[in-house]
Amino acid sequence: MKTNPFADFEAADTEQELAAFRESIQSQGFTAFRLLLEGFRDRLKLFSDGDISSVSELLERARRMFPEPETFSPSWVNIWDEYERIASYKQTVLETIPPGEREGEWQVLLDNPYTNSDLVCYPGLGFLEGAYLYAYFRSDLKQNEYIRLQKIQNLVMAFGSERQEAANKKTGG
């Protein structure tokens, strides 16, 4: 089997090809299925406008071919539901933010203002990466948590090392 079983899965057209693929994954077990899931995750990260129907079809096909992913690992019992939620939330982002407004730097913020836990921020993202992270974390928000995907319009940034460089210049060091 190739190192990217997802490419083989995506390319399979006939019932015979799909059956052979399914047998191959089942015979190779955990590692092969994990690689298939990694390929799916990459597809979820990269899909853009107009791709939701093909992503949905691939998820439906995978669910039919591997209806009990927990046989490979108990942690994957709900993997198809998780991937469907991610695809759906990412599609919502794509439908909400017009293509002409996607350039630039984006960030994802997660917070629960009713706990002492830290605010989580993923800065410096491209739009598709931000949309994927938003969808990924959105699919598992806890009570009172919120998530934001936001575009950085203005930015002032500094590094701690700049302070030391300025001090060295003043002392001649």
Protein backbone atom coordinates (compact mmCIF):
# COMPACT_ATOMS: atom_id res chain seq x y z
CA MET A 1 0.00 0.00 0.00
CA LYS A 2 1.16 3.56 -0.73
CA THR A 3 1.96 5.97 2.08
CA ASN A 4 -1.19 7.99 1.34
CA PRO A 5 -4.19 5.66 1.43
CA PHE A 6 -6.53 8.66 1.24
CA ALA A 7 -5.36 9.37 -2.32
CA ASP A 8 -6.17 5.75 -3.23
CA PHE A 9 -9.55 6.04 -1.49
CA GLU A 10 -10.38 9.27 -3.29
CA ALA A 11 -9.31 7.85 -6.67
CA ALA A 12 -11.29 4.59 -6.37
CA ASP A 13 -14.20 4.70 -8.82
CA THR A 14 -15.64 1.22 -9.11
CA GLU A 15 -17.16 -1.06 -6.50
CA GLN A 16 -14.29 -3.50 -7.14
CA GLU A 17 -11.68 -0.81 -6.44
CA LEU A 18 -13.50 0.25 -3.29
CA ALA A 19 -13.80 -3.35 -2.09
CA ALA A 20 -10.08 -3.95 -2.72
CA PHE A 21 -9.24 -0.75 -0.87
CA ARG A 22 -11.43 -1.74 2.09
CA GLU A 23 -9.79 -5.18 2.28
CA SER A 24 -6.34 -3.61 2.12
CA ILE A 25 -7.07 -1.22 5.00
CA GLN A 26 -8.68 -3.94 7.11
CA SER A 27 -5.80 -6.35 6.56
CA GLN A 28 -3.21 -3.70 7.47
CA GLY A 29 -5.14 -2.52 10.52
CA PHE A 30 -4.56 0.44 12.78
CA THR A 31 -1.69 2.16 10.94
CA ALA A 32 -3.35 2.04 7.54
CA PHE A 33 -6.62 3.36 8.94
CA ARG A 34 -4.77 6.13 10.84
CA LEU A 35 -3.10 7.18 7.57
CA LEU A 36 -6.51 7.24 5.89
CA LEU A 37 -7.83 9.49 8.67
CA GLU A 38 -4.79 11.78 8.38
CA GLY A 39 -5.51 12.14 4.68
CA PHE A 40 -9.11 13.01 5.48
CA ARG A 41 -7.95 15.62 7.98
CA ASP A 42 -5.68 17.16 5.34
CA ARG A 43 -8.62 17.26 2.92
CA LEU A 44 -10.72 19.00 5.56
CA LYS A 45 -7.97 21.57 6.08
CA LEU A 46 -7.59 22.35 2.39
CA PHE A 47 -11.11 22.27 0.97
CA SER A 48 -12.55 25.57 -0.19
CA ASP A 49 -15.63 26.97 -1.89
CA GLY A 50 -17.42 24.46 -4.08
CA ASP A 51 -15.73 21.43 -2.48
CA ILE A 52 -18.29 20.64 0.23
CA SER A 53 -20.30 18.24 -1.92
CA SER A 54 -17.23 16.16 -2.81
CA VAL A 55 -16.06 16.18 0.82
CA SER A 56 -19.54 15.12 1.96
CA GLU A 57 -19.60 12.31 -0.60
CA LEU A 58 -16.19 11.07 0.55
CA LEU A 59 -17.33 11.08 4.18
CA GLU A 60 -20.50 9.21 3.28
CA ARG A 61 -18.50 6.64 1.31
CA ALA A 62 -16.03 6.22 4.19
CA ARG A 63 -18.86 5.74 6.67
CA ARG A 64 -20.37 3.01 4.45
CA MET A 65 -17.00 1.30 3.95
CA PHE A 66 -15.91 1.53 7.60
CA PRO A 67 -19.14 1.74 9.65
CA GLU A 68 -17.34 0.76 12.85
CA PRO A 69 -14.06 2.69 12.95
CA GLU A 70 -13.74 1.78 16.62
CA THR A 71 -12.61 -1.68 15.52
CA PHE A 72 -9.31 -0.02 14.59
CA SER A 73 -9.19 2.08 17.79
CA PRO A 74 -11.83 2.89 20.42
CA SER A 75 -10.87 6.56 20.15
CA TRP A 76 -12.31 6.65 16.62
CA VAL A 77 -15.84 5.59 17.55
CA ASN A 78 -17.26 8.99 16.49
CA ILE A 79 -14.68 10.02 13.89
CA TRP A 80 -17.13 10.27 10.98
CA ASP A 81 -19.49 12.46 13.01
CA GLU A 82 -16.54 14.64 14.05
CA TYR A 83 -15.34 15.03 10.46
CA GLU A 84 -18.88 15.84 9.27
CA ARG A 85 -19.21 18.56 11.92
CA ILE A 86 -15.83 20.03 10.92
CA ALA A 87 -16.84 20.07 7.25
CA SER A 88 -20.18 21.67 8.08
CA TYR A 89 -18.71 24.40 10.31
CA LYS A 90 -15.98 25.15 7.79
CA GLN A 91 -18.62 25.42 5.06
CA THR A 92 -20.47 27.93 7.25
CA VAL A 93 -17.29 30.02 7.49
CA LEU A 94 -16.78 29.83 3.71
CA GLU A 95 -20.38 30.94 3.13
CA THR A 96 -20.12 33.76 5.69
CA ILE A 97 -16.85 35.40 4.61
CA PRO A 98 -16.75 36.41 0.94
CA PRO A 99 -13.65 35.41 -1.08
CA GLY A 100 -12.68 39.07 -1.56
CA GLU A 101 -12.31 39.52 2.20
CA ARG A 102 -10.10 36.50 2.93
CA GLU A 103 -6.63 37.85 2.23
CA GLY A 104 -4.41 38.76 5.16
CA GLU A 105 -3.73 37.42 8.62
CA TRP A 106 -6.39 35.62 10.67
CA GLN A 107 -6.57 34.32 14.21
CA VAL A 108 -8.75 31.97 16.20
CA LEU A 109 -9.58 32.74 19.84
CA LEU A 110 -11.10 30.32 22.35
CA ASP A 111 -12.23 31.41 25.78
CA ASN A 112 -14.54 30.59 28.64
CA PRO A 113 -15.02 33.79 30.64
CA TYR A 114 -16.50 31.87 33.58
CA THR A 115 -13.37 29.85 34.34
CA ASN A 116 -9.81 30.61 35.32
CA SER A 117 -8.47 28.82 32.26
CA ASP A 118 -6.33 30.80 29.87
CA LEU A 119 -7.52 32.37 26.67
CA VAL A 120 -6.25 30.31 23.74
CA CYS A 121 -5.13 32.15 20.62
CA TYR A 122 -3.87 30.85 17.29
CA PRO A 123 -2.44 33.92 15.50
CA GLY A 124 -0.74 34.37 12.15
CA LEU A 125 -3.05 32.12 10.14
CA GLY A 126 -4.06 32.14 6.51
CA PHE A 127 -7.79 32.12 5.90
CA LEU A 128 -8.23 28.39 5.09
CA GLU A 129 -6.09 27.37 8.06
CA GLY A 130 -8.09 29.68 10.33
CA ALA A 131 -11.38 28.37 8.93
CA TYR A 132 -10.26 24.78 9.59
CA LEU A 133 -9.16 25.51 13.17
CA TYR A 134 -12.39 27.36 13.84
CA ALA A 135 -14.39 24.37 12.55
CA TYR A 136 -12.21 21.87 14.43
CA PHE A 137 -12.60 23.59 17.80
CA ARG A 138 -16.20 24.67 17.14
CA SER A 139 -17.23 21.04 16.83
CA ASP A 140 -16.41 20.43 20.52
CA LEU A 141 -17.19 23.67 22.38
CA LYS A 142 -17.98 23.22 26.05
CA GLN A 143 -20.63 25.04 28.10
CA ASN A 144 -19.90 28.81 28.25
CA GLU A 145 -16.95 28.58 25.82
CA TYR A 146 -16.88 30.75 22.77
CA ILE A 147 -14.76 30.77 19.65
CA ARG A 148 -13.90 33.61 17.30
CA LEU A 149 -12.33 33.64 13.88
CA GLN A 150 -11.18 37.15 13.18
CA LYS A 151 -9.13 38.99 10.63
CA ILE A 152 -6.25 41.12 11.84
CA GLN A 153 -6.75 44.61 10.42
CA ASN A 154 -4.01 46.48 12.26
CA LEU A 155 -1.02 45.02 14.00
CA VAL A 156 1.77 46.32 16.19
CA MET A 157 4.24 43.65 17.17
CA ALA A 158 7.46 43.48 19.16
CA PHE A 159 9.84 40.78 20.34
CA GLY A 160 11.54 40.58 23.73
CA SER A 161 14.89 40.21 21.99
CA GLU A 162 14.55 43.77 20.65
CA ARG A 163 14.72 45.09 24.20
CA GLN A 164 18.04 43.35 24.81
CA GLU A 165 19.44 44.60 21.49
CA ALA A 166 18.54 48.19 22.41
CA ALA A 167 20.21 47.81 25.82
CA ASN A 168 23.38 46.42 24.21
CA LYS A 169 23.55 49.39 21.80
CA LYS A 170 23.31 51.90 24.69
CA THR A 171 26.14 50.20 26.61
CA GLY A 172 28.26 49.63 23.53
CA GLY A 173 27.97 45.84 23.94
